[in-house]
Amino acid sequence: MNRDLQTMSGLDVAVDADELALAFGPDVVHPEGERRSLGDVRATLEDPEASGPEHLYTIYMDVCRAADHGALVDQSLLYGAVVYNHGLIGRERLRSQGHRHSCKPGTDLRYSEVYEFWTGHGHVYLQQECGPVVTRALLVPVGPGDKVIVPLGWVHLTVASTDEPLAFGAWCAREGKLEYDELRALGGPAHFVLANGDVVPNPRYTQVADVEVVAPRDLPLLDVPYEQPIYRAWREEPGRFDFLPQPELVACAWEEL
């Protein structure tokens, strides 16, 4: 059964829960969905031999209204959409493997990302460093309508918490790359979110801070409106999202986080 997401997303899109896929209207250009499997995340799991659903999520990158594509290329913005399965991987709740974004060329500032959740419930997990010592880690509960802007340079991943697909959209910099190798070498994130709700540290790290639970509205939202779909917000005022291809505009935004 398809569920219409147009009101939530600002785009002609629906989620097909049975196929774990998104369906797009005729005015929306999009690539074929890329499926991510259990094998893709094994290196980052609490138990790399754990069993779970084989199909974890489907991701679509460079989604937009056909009329908007040229403007997005000019602004160096990219819009993506994802739909997650539900269930467990061993003791863990189903999740992505995690990544951080590359640096803007010529700077030491890493690109960011803006998430907007449409269906389901889950968490965004954030850790400040991608190394054996982590001084700050946050767990952000999310549900329909919530928005999260990833702090520059932080590792992030998404955890699905309920027995329904978790679907969301995201803005990022078109020139940015997603980096996975360092996190895989560490054996995953600094914490694992278990089925019973416990959050346990990853013993492969040398030192990790206790995880802090933070509400989405307690994080800096910069100039992104909370009560409006982020795609529609871009169409009405594209400059709100200039900080994604130009991270220097918000380099100090999270200093008091």
C-alpha atoms as a PDB file:
ATOM      1  CA  MET A   1       0.000   0.000   0.000  1.00  0.00           C
ATOM      2  CA  ASN A   2       1.307   3.436  -0.948  1.00  0.00           C
ATOM      3  CA  ARG A   3       1.184   6.337   1.486  1.00  0.00           C
ATOM      4  CA  ASP A   4       1.148   9.840   0.012  1.00  0.00           C
ATOM      5  CA  LEU A   5       3.942  12.040   1.387  1.00  0.00           C
ATOM      6  CA  GLN A   6       3.289  15.185  -0.637  1.00  0.00           C
ATOM      7  CA  THR A   7       2.129  17.257   2.331  1.00  0.00           C
ATOM      8  CA  MET A   8       5.104  16.197   4.457  1.00  0.00           C
ATOM      9  CA  SER A   9       7.765  16.486   1.752  1.00  0.00           C
ATOM     10  CA  GLY A  10       6.618  19.243  -0.593  1.00  0.00           C
ATOM     11  CA  LEU A  11       7.171  16.830  -3.496  1.00  0.00           C
ATOM     12  CA  ASP A  12       4.919  14.402  -5.374  1.00  0.00           C
ATOM     13  CA  VAL A  13       6.180  11.269  -3.632  1.00  0.00           C
ATOM     14  CA  ALA A  14       4.648   8.264  -1.894  1.00  0.00           C
ATOM     15  CA  VAL A  15       6.134   5.436   0.140  1.00  0.00           C
ATOM     16  CA  ASP A  16       5.469   1.825  -0.820  1.00  0.00           C
ATOM     17  CA  ALA A  17       5.868   0.011   2.486  1.00  0.00           C
ATOM     18  CA  ASP A  18       5.568  -3.453   0.945  1.00  0.00           C
ATOM     19  CA  GLU A  19       8.363  -2.891  -1.573  1.00  0.00           C
ATOM     20  CA  LEU A  20      10.411  -0.624   0.714  1.00  0.00           C
ATOM     21  CA  ALA A  21      10.516   1.917  -2.084  1.00  0.00           C
ATOM     22  CA  LEU A  22       9.370   5.400  -3.046  1.00  0.00           C
ATOM     23  CA  ALA A  23       7.066   6.248  -5.940  1.00  0.00           C
ATOM     24  CA  PHE A  24       7.406   9.647  -7.608  1.00  0.00           C
ATOM     25  CA  GLY A  25       4.986  11.759  -9.623  1.00  0.00           C
ATOM     26  CA  PRO A  26       5.528  12.664 -13.301  1.00  0.00           C
ATOM     27  CA  ASP A  27       7.044  16.073 -12.531  1.00  0.00           C
ATOM     28  CA  VAL A  28       9.764  14.610 -10.289  1.00  0.00           C
ATOM     29  CA  VAL A  29      13.098  13.433 -11.708  1.00  0.00           C
ATOM     30  CA  HIS A  30      14.926  10.781  -9.743  1.00  0.00           C
ATOM     31  CA  PRO A  31      17.397   7.919 -10.134  1.00  0.00           C
ATOM     32  CA  GLU A  32      16.605   4.273  -9.579  1.00  0.00           C
ATOM     33  CA  GLY A  33      16.639   3.431  -5.887  1.00  0.00           C
ATOM     34  CA  GLU A  34      19.848   1.930  -4.528  1.00  0.00           C
ATOM     35  CA  ARG A  35      19.280  -0.911  -2.097  1.00  0.00           C
ATOM     36  CA  ARG A  36      21.507  -1.243   0.965  1.00  0.00           C
ATOM     37  CA  SER A  37      21.847  -4.743   2.386  1.00  0.00           C
ATOM     38  CA  LEU A  38      22.893  -6.295   5.650  1.00  0.00           C
ATOM     39  CA  GLY A  39      26.254  -7.103   4.104  1.00  0.00           C
ATOM     40  CA  ASP A  40      26.890  -3.406   3.490  1.00  0.00           C
ATOM     41  CA  VAL A  41      26.823  -2.610   7.226  1.00  0.00           C
ATOM     42  CA  ARG A  42      28.409  -5.701   8.794  1.00  0.00           C
ATOM     43  CA  ALA A  43      31.764  -4.028   9.453  1.00  0.00           C
ATOM     44  CA  THR A  44      30.047  -1.454  11.688  1.00  0.00           C
ATOM     45  CA  LEU A  45      27.774  -3.746  13.737  1.00  0.00           C
ATOM     46  CA  GLU A  46      28.056  -4.653  17.409  1.00  0.00           C
ATOM     47  CA  ASP A  47      28.058  -8.262  16.190  1.00  0.00           C
ATOM     48  CA  PRO A  48      29.387  -8.493  12.615  1.00  0.00           C
ATOM     49  CA  GLU A  49      27.875 -11.983  12.340  1.00  0.00           C
ATOM     50  CA  ALA A  50      24.401 -10.914  13.474  1.00  0.00           C
ATOM     51  CA  SER A  51      21.299 -11.834  11.514  1.00  0.00           C
ATOM     52  CA  GLY A  52      18.564  -9.436  10.469  1.00  0.00           C
ATOM     53  CA  PRO A  53      16.581  -8.266   7.424  1.00  0.00           C
ATOM     54  CA  GLU A  54      18.619  -8.579   4.247  1.00  0.00           C
ATOM     55  CA  HIS A  55      17.169  -5.397   2.718  1.00  0.00           C
ATOM     56  CA  LEU A  56      17.860  -2.536   5.140  1.00  0.00           C
ATOM     57  CA  TYR A  57      16.935   0.576   3.184  1.00  0.00           C
ATOM     58  CA  THR A  58      16.536   2.113  -0.263  1.00  0.00           C
ATOM     59  CA  ILE A  59      18.118   5.464  -1.099  1.00  0.00           C
ATOM     60  CA  TYR A  60      17.404   7.894  -3.940  1.00  0.00           C
ATOM     61  CA  MET A  61      19.886  10.690  -4.631  1.00  0.00           C
ATOM     62  CA  ASP A  62      19.377  13.769  -6.811  1.00  0.00           C
ATOM     63  CA  VAL A  63      15.589  13.914  -6.514  1.00  0.00           C
ATOM     64  CA  CYS A  64      13.822  17.124  -7.575  1.00  0.00           C
ATOM     65  CA  ARG A  65      11.094  18.693  -9.642  1.00  0.00           C
ATOM     66  CA  ALA A  66      12.274  18.644 -13.238  1.00  0.00           C
ATOM     67  CA  ALA A  67      12.001  22.420 -13.411  1.00  0.00           C
ATOM     68  CA  ASP A  68      14.331  22.829 -10.407  1.00  0.00           C
ATOM     69  CA  HIS A  69      17.299  20.732 -11.493  1.00  0.00           C
ATOM     70  CA  GLY A  70      19.294  23.494 -13.156  1.00  0.00           C
ATOM     71  CA  ALA A  71      18.973  25.797 -10.138  1.00  0.00           C
ATOM     72  CA  LEU A  72      20.092  23.018  -7.787  1.00  0.00           C
ATOM     73  CA  VAL A  73      23.180  22.318  -9.900  1.00  0.00           C
ATOM     74  CA  ASP A  74      23.999  26.029  -9.960  1.00  0.00           C
ATOM     75  CA  GLN A  75      23.665  26.237  -6.158  1.00  0.00           C
ATOM     76  CA  SER A  76      25.561  22.947  -5.705  1.00  0.00           C
ATOM     77  CA  LEU A  77      22.713  21.392  -3.732  1.00  0.00           C
ATOM     78  CA  LEU A  78      21.521  17.797  -3.816  1.00  0.00           C
ATOM     79  CA  TYR A  79      18.269  16.386  -2.448  1.00  0.00           C
ATOM     80  CA  GLY A  80      17.940  12.746  -1.446  1.00  0.00           C
ATOM     81  CA  ALA A  81      15.200  10.532  -0.028  1.00  0.00           C
ATOM     82  CA  VAL A  82      15.413   7.274   1.916  1.00  0.00           C
ATOM     83  CA  VAL A  83      13.013   4.623   3.175  1.00  0.00           C
ATOM     84  CA  TYR A  84      14.168   2.233   5.921  1.00  0.00           C
ATOM     85  CA  ASN A  85      13.015  -1.237   6.821  1.00  0.00           C
ATOM     86  CA  HIS A  86      12.227  -2.097  10.446  1.00  0.00           C
ATOM     87  CA  GLY A  87      13.366  -4.847  12.772  1.00  0.00           C
ATOM     88  CA  LEU A  88      16.569  -5.884  14.509  1.00  0.00           C
ATOM     89  CA  ILE A  89      20.130  -6.756  13.562  1.00  0.00           C
ATOM     90  CA  GLY A  90      21.225  -9.029  16.358  1.00  0.00           C
ATOM     91  CA  ARG A  91      20.676  -7.010  19.543  1.00  0.00           C
ATOM     92  CA  GLU A  92      20.697  -3.719  17.668  1.00  0.00           C
ATOM     93  CA  ARG A  93      17.840  -1.784  16.182  1.00  0.00           C
ATOM     94  CA  LEU A  94      18.036  -1.665  12.404  1.00  0.00           C
ATOM     95  CA  ARG A  95      20.227   1.234  11.246  1.00  0.00           C
ATOM     96  CA  SER A  96      22.524   2.622   8.606  1.00  0.00           C
ATOM     97  CA  GLN A  97      26.282   2.083   8.803  1.00  0.00           C
ATOM     98  CA  GLY A  98      27.076   5.749   9.472  1.00  0.00           C
ATOM     99  CA  HIS A  99      29.365   8.228   7.748  1.00  0.00           C
ATOM    100  CA  ARG A 100      30.687  11.754   7.824  1.00  0.00           C
ATOM    101  CA  HIS A 101      31.004  14.241   5.003  1.00  0.00           C
ATOM    102  CA  SER A 102      34.156  15.264   3.190  1.00  0.00           C
ATOM    103  CA  CYS A 103      35.856  18.630   3.604  1.00  0.00           C
ATOM    104  CA  LYS A 104      35.157  21.500   1.271  1.00  0.00           C
ATOM    105  CA  PRO A 105      38.229  21.698  -1.006  1.00  0.00           C
ATOM    106  CA  GLY A 106      40.815  24.138   0.267  1.00  0.00           C
ATOM    107  CA  THR A 107      39.400  24.169   3.816  1.00  0.00           C
ATOM    108  CA  ASP A 108      39.282  21.992   6.919  1.00  0.00           C
ATOM    109  CA  LEU A 109      35.501  22.461   7.164  1.00  0.00           C
ATOM    110  CA  ARG A 110      33.350  19.440   6.466  1.00  0.00           C
ATOM    111  CA  TYR A 111      30.021  19.582   4.710  1.00  0.00           C
ATOM    112  CA  SER A 112      26.755  19.112   6.601  1.00  0.00           C
ATOM    113  CA  GLU A 113      23.285  17.711   5.913  1.00  0.00           C
ATOM    114  CA  VAL A 114      19.665  18.598   6.713  1.00  0.00           C
ATOM    115  CA  TYR A 115      17.260  15.755   7.559  1.00  0.00           C
ATOM    116  CA  GLU A 116      13.446  15.905   7.489  1.00  0.00           C
ATOM    117  CA  PHE A 117      11.439  12.900   8.695  1.00  0.00           C
ATOM    118  CA  TRP A 118       8.143  11.900   7.054  1.00  0.00           C
ATOM    119  CA  THR A 119       6.997   8.535   8.429  1.00  0.00           C
ATOM    120  CA  GLY A 120       7.948   6.223  11.263  1.00  0.00           C
ATOM    121  CA  HIS A 121      10.038   6.936  14.332  1.00  0.00           C
ATOM    122  CA  GLY A 122      13.697   6.520  15.100  1.00  0.00           C
ATOM    123  CA  HIS A 123      16.842   8.310  16.189  1.00  0.00           C
ATOM    124  CA  VAL A 124      19.657  10.254  14.615  1.00  0.00           C
ATOM    125  CA  TYR A 125      22.919   9.305  16.322  1.00  0.00           C
ATOM    126  CA  LEU A 126      25.733  11.880  16.243  1.00  0.00           C
ATOM    127  CA  GLN A 127      29.336  11.632  17.449  1.00  0.00           C
ATOM    128  CA  GLN A 128      31.754  14.527  17.322  1.00  0.00           C
ATOM    129  CA  GLU A 129      34.965  12.723  16.399  1.00  0.00           C
ATOM    130  CA  CYS A 130      35.736   9.923  13.973  1.00  0.00           C
ATOM    131  CA  GLY A 131      38.541   8.428  16.042  1.00  0.00           C
ATOM    132  CA  PRO A 132      39.157   6.118  19.016  1.00  0.00           C
ATOM    133  CA  VAL A 133      38.403   8.923  21.513  1.00  0.00           C
ATOM    134  CA  VAL A 134      34.940  10.515  21.295  1.00  0.00           C
ATOM    135  CA  THR A 135      34.234  13.485  23.540  1.00  0.00           C
ATOM    136  CA  ARG A 136      30.594  14.091  22.620  1.00  0.00           C
ATOM    137  CA  ALA A 137      27.786  11.818  21.433  1.00  0.00           C
ATOM    138  CA  LEU A 138      24.110  12.687  20.950  1.00  0.00           C
ATOM    139  CA  LEU A 139      20.979  10.628  20.364  1.00  0.00           C
ATOM    140  CA  VAL A 140      18.122  12.598  18.805  1.00  0.00           C
ATOM    141  CA  PRO A 141      14.623  11.002  18.822  1.00  0.00           C
ATOM    142  CA  VAL A 142      12.780  11.788  15.590  1.00  0.00           C
ATOM    143  CA  GLY A 143       9.322  11.329  14.115  1.00  0.00           C
ATOM    144  CA  PRO A 144       7.148  12.821  11.362  1.00  0.00           C
ATOM    145  CA  GLY A 145       7.913  16.505  10.811  1.00  0.00           C
ATOM    146  CA  ASP A 146      11.155  16.581  12.780  1.00  0.00           C
ATOM    147  CA  LYS A 147      14.240  18.179  11.267  1.00  0.00           C
ATOM    148  CA  VAL A 148      17.895  17.736  12.217  1.00  0.00           C
ATOM    149  CA  ILE A 149      20.928  19.592  10.871  1.00  0.00           C
ATOM    150  CA  VAL A 150      24.111  17.570  11.291  1.00  0.00           C
ATOM    151  CA  PRO A 151      26.916  19.594  12.924  1.00  0.00           C
ATOM    152  CA  LEU A 152      29.896  20.136  10.627  1.00  0.00           C
ATOM    153  CA  GLY A 153      32.237  17.157  10.668  1.00  0.00           C
ATOM    154  CA  TRP A 154      30.191  14.935  12.986  1.00  0.00           C
ATOM    155  CA  VAL A 155      29.636  11.250  12.282  1.00  0.00           C
ATOM    156  CA  HIS A 156      25.941  10.473  11.892  1.00  0.00           C
ATOM    157  CA  LEU A 157      23.650   7.543  11.279  1.00  0.00           C
ATOM    158  CA  THR A 158      19.931   6.802  11.420  1.00  0.00           C
ATOM    159  CA  VAL A 159      18.262   4.190  13.643  1.00  0.00           C
ATOM    160  CA  ALA A 160      14.748   2.855  12.928  1.00  0.00           C
ATOM    161  CA  SER A 161      12.781   2.295  16.140  1.00  0.00           C
ATOM    162  CA  THR A 162       9.233   1.224  15.255  1.00  0.00           C
ATOM    163  CA  ASP A 163       7.519  -1.533  13.287  1.00  0.00           C
ATOM    164  CA  GLU A 164       6.885   0.582  10.197  1.00  0.00           C
ATOM    165  CA  PRO A 165       9.109   2.036   7.483  1.00  0.00           C
ATOM    166  CA  LEU A 166      11.058   5.169   8.380  1.00  0.00           C
ATOM    167  CA  ALA A 167      11.094   7.591   5.434  1.00  0.00           C
ATOM    168  CA  PHE A 168      12.844  10.954   5.191  1.00  0.00           C
ATOM    169  CA  GLY A 169      14.336  13.510   2.846  1.00  0.00           C
ATOM    170  CA  ALA A 170      17.642  15.358   3.108  1.00  0.00           C
ATOM    171  CA  TRP A 171      19.530  18.293   1.604  1.00  0.00           C
ATOM    172  CA  CYS A 172      23.319  18.123   1.220  1.00  0.00           C
ATOM    173  CA  ALA A 173      26.117  19.667  -0.832  1.00  0.00           C
ATOM    174  CA  ARG A 174      26.354  18.307  -4.368  1.00  0.00           C
ATOM    175  CA  GLU A 175      30.168  18.331  -4.233  1.00  0.00           C
ATOM    176  CA  GLY A 176      30.349  16.540  -0.879  1.00  0.00           C
ATOM    177  CA  LYS A 177      31.420  12.917  -0.536  1.00  0.00           C
ATOM    178  CA  LEU A 178      30.243  10.440   2.092  1.00  0.00           C
ATOM    179  CA  GLU A 179      33.163   8.901   3.977  1.00  0.00           C
ATOM    180  CA  TYR A 180      32.781   5.428   5.491  1.00  0.00           C
ATOM    181  CA  ASP A 181      36.240   3.867   5.777  1.00  0.00           C
ATOM    182  CA  GLU A 182      37.386   5.464   9.043  1.00  0.00           C
ATOM    183  CA  LEU A 183      34.196   4.443  10.834  1.00  0.00           C
ATOM    184  CA  ARG A 184      34.435   0.907   9.475  1.00  0.00           C
ATOM    185  CA  ALA A 185      38.029   0.707  10.743  1.00  0.00           C
ATOM    186  CA  LEU A 186      36.758   1.655  14.211  1.00  0.00           C
ATOM    187  CA  GLY A 187      34.201  -1.151  14.132  1.00  0.00           C
ATOM    188  CA  GLY A 188      31.206   1.154  13.878  1.00  0.00           C
ATOM    189  CA  PRO A 189      29.950   4.116  15.896  1.00  0.00           C
ATOM    190  CA  ALA A 190      30.994   4.860  19.456  1.00  0.00           C
ATOM    191  CA  HIS A 191      27.634   3.546  20.764  1.00  0.00           C
ATOM    192  CA  PHE A 192      25.097   0.924  19.756  1.00  0.00           C
ATOM    193  CA  VAL A 193      21.326   1.371  20.212  1.00  0.00           C
ATOM    194  CA  LEU A 194      19.832  -1.924  21.381  1.00  0.00           C
ATOM    195  CA  ALA A 195      16.340  -3.343  20.926  1.00  0.00           C
ATOM    196  CA  ASN A 196      15.412  -2.656  24.573  1.00  0.00           C
ATOM    197  CA  GLY A 197      16.378   1.001  24.231  1.00  0.00           C
ATOM    198  CA  ASP A 198      19.723   0.718  26.012  1.00  0.00           C
ATOM    199  CA  VAL A 199      22.661   2.562  24.452  1.00  0.00           C
ATOM    200  CA  VAL A 200      25.963   0.754  25.031  1.00  0.00           C
ATOM    201  CA  PRO A 201      29.510   1.932  24.243  1.00  0.00           C
ATOM    202  CA  ASN A 202      31.532   0.276  21.520  1.00  0.00           C
ATOM    203  CA  PRO A 203      34.427  -1.540  23.271  1.00  0.00           C
ATOM    204  CA  ARG A 204      36.648  -1.106  20.199  1.00  0.00           C
ATOM    205  CA  TYR A 205      37.030   2.591  21.102  1.00  0.00           C
ATOM    206  CA  THR A 206      39.619   3.789  23.614  1.00  0.00           C
ATOM    207  CA  GLN A 207      37.334   6.285  25.343  1.00  0.00           C
ATOM    208  CA  VAL A 208      33.782   7.466  24.693  1.00  0.00           C
ATOM    209  CA  ALA A 209      31.601  10.037  26.423  1.00  0.00           C
ATOM    210  CA  ASP A 210      28.187   9.033  27.734  1.00  0.00           C
ATOM    211  CA  VAL A 211      25.524   9.539  25.106  1.00  0.00           C
ATOM    212  CA  GLU A 212      23.184  12.512  25.644  1.00  0.00           C
ATOM    213  CA  VAL A 213      19.552  12.450  24.519  1.00  0.00           C
ATOM    214  CA  VAL A 214      18.686  15.754  22.824  1.00  0.00           C
ATOM    215  CA  ALA A 215      15.361  16.834  21.312  1.00  0.00           C
ATOM    216  CA  PRO A 216      15.432  17.941  17.651  1.00  0.00           C
ATOM    217  CA  ARG A 217      14.303  21.460  18.521  1.00  0.00           C
ATOM    218  CA  ASP A 218      17.191  21.818  20.989  1.00  0.00           C
ATOM    219  CA  LEU A 219      19.723  21.635  18.153  1.00  0.00           C
ATOM    220  CA  PRO A 220      20.639  24.650  16.003  1.00  0.00           C
ATOM    221  CA  LEU A 221      18.279  24.864  13.039  1.00  0.00           C
ATOM    222  CA  LEU A 222      20.047  27.888  11.570  1.00  0.00           C
ATOM    223  CA  ASP A 223      17.552  29.633   9.280  1.00  0.00           C
ATOM    224  CA  VAL A 224      15.668  26.502   8.198  1.00  0.00           C
ATOM    225  CA  PRO A 225      11.925  26.806   9.052  1.00  0.00           C
ATOM    226  CA  TYR A 226      10.688  23.980  11.256  1.00  0.00           C
ATOM    227  CA  GLU A 227       6.999  23.962  10.281  1.00  0.00           C
ATOM    228  CA  GLN A 228       7.544  23.760   6.524  1.00  0.00           C
ATOM    229  CA  PRO A 229       8.884  20.994   4.252  1.00  0.00           C
ATOM    230  CA  ILE A 230      12.536  21.661   3.514  1.00  0.00           C
ATOM    231  CA  TYR A 231      12.031  21.252  -0.229  1.00  0.00           C
ATOM    232  CA  ARG A 232       9.298  23.886  -0.219  1.00  0.00           C
ATOM    233  CA  ALA A 233      11.449  26.114   1.999  1.00  0.00           C
ATOM    234  CA  TRP A 234      14.229  25.912  -0.597  1.00  0.00           C
ATOM    235  CA  ARG A 235      11.860  26.802  -3.441  1.00  0.00           C
ATOM    236  CA  GLU A 236      10.609  29.879  -1.573  1.00  0.00           C
ATOM    237  CA  GLU A 237      14.019  31.064  -0.379  1.00  0.00           C
ATOM    238  CA  PRO A 238      16.964  29.122  -1.845  1.00  0.00           C
ATOM    239  CA  GLY A 239      19.571  31.149   0.058  1.00  0.00           C
ATOM    240  CA  ARG A 240      18.512  29.540   3.342  1.00  0.00           C
ATOM    241  CA  PHE A 241      20.515  26.480   2.272  1.00  0.00           C
ATOM    242  CA  ASP A 242      23.697  28.196   1.069  1.00  0.00           C
ATOM    243  CA  PHE A 243      25.439  26.948   4.227  1.00  0.00           C
ATOM    244  CA  LEU A 244      25.442  23.399   2.825  1.00  0.00           C
ATOM    245  CA  PRO A 245      27.840  24.041  -0.098  1.00  0.00           C
ATOM    246  CA  GLN A 246      29.460  26.867   1.923  1.00  0.00           C
ATOM    247  CA  PRO A 247      30.093  25.476   5.425  1.00  0.00           C
ATOM    248  CA  GLU A 248      32.182  28.540   6.331  1.00  0.00           C
ATOM    249  CA  LEU A 249      28.896  30.436   6.708  1.00  0.00           C
ATOM    250  CA  VAL A 250      28.017  28.407   9.826  1.00  0.00           C
ATOM    251  CA  ALA A 251      31.414  27.322  11.147  1.00  0.00           C
ATOM    252  CA  CYS A 252      30.611  28.593  14.653  1.00  0.00           C
ATOM    253  CA  ALA A 253      26.956  27.554  14.812  1.00  0.00           C
ATOM    254  CA  TRP A 254      27.481  24.586  17.117  1.00  0.00           C
ATOM    255  CA  GLU A 255      30.085  26.035  19.499  1.00  0.00           C
ATOM    256  CA  GLU A 256      27.585  26.167  22.365  1.00  0.00           C
ATOM    257  CA  LEU A 257      25.963  22.830  21.629  1.00  0.00           C
END
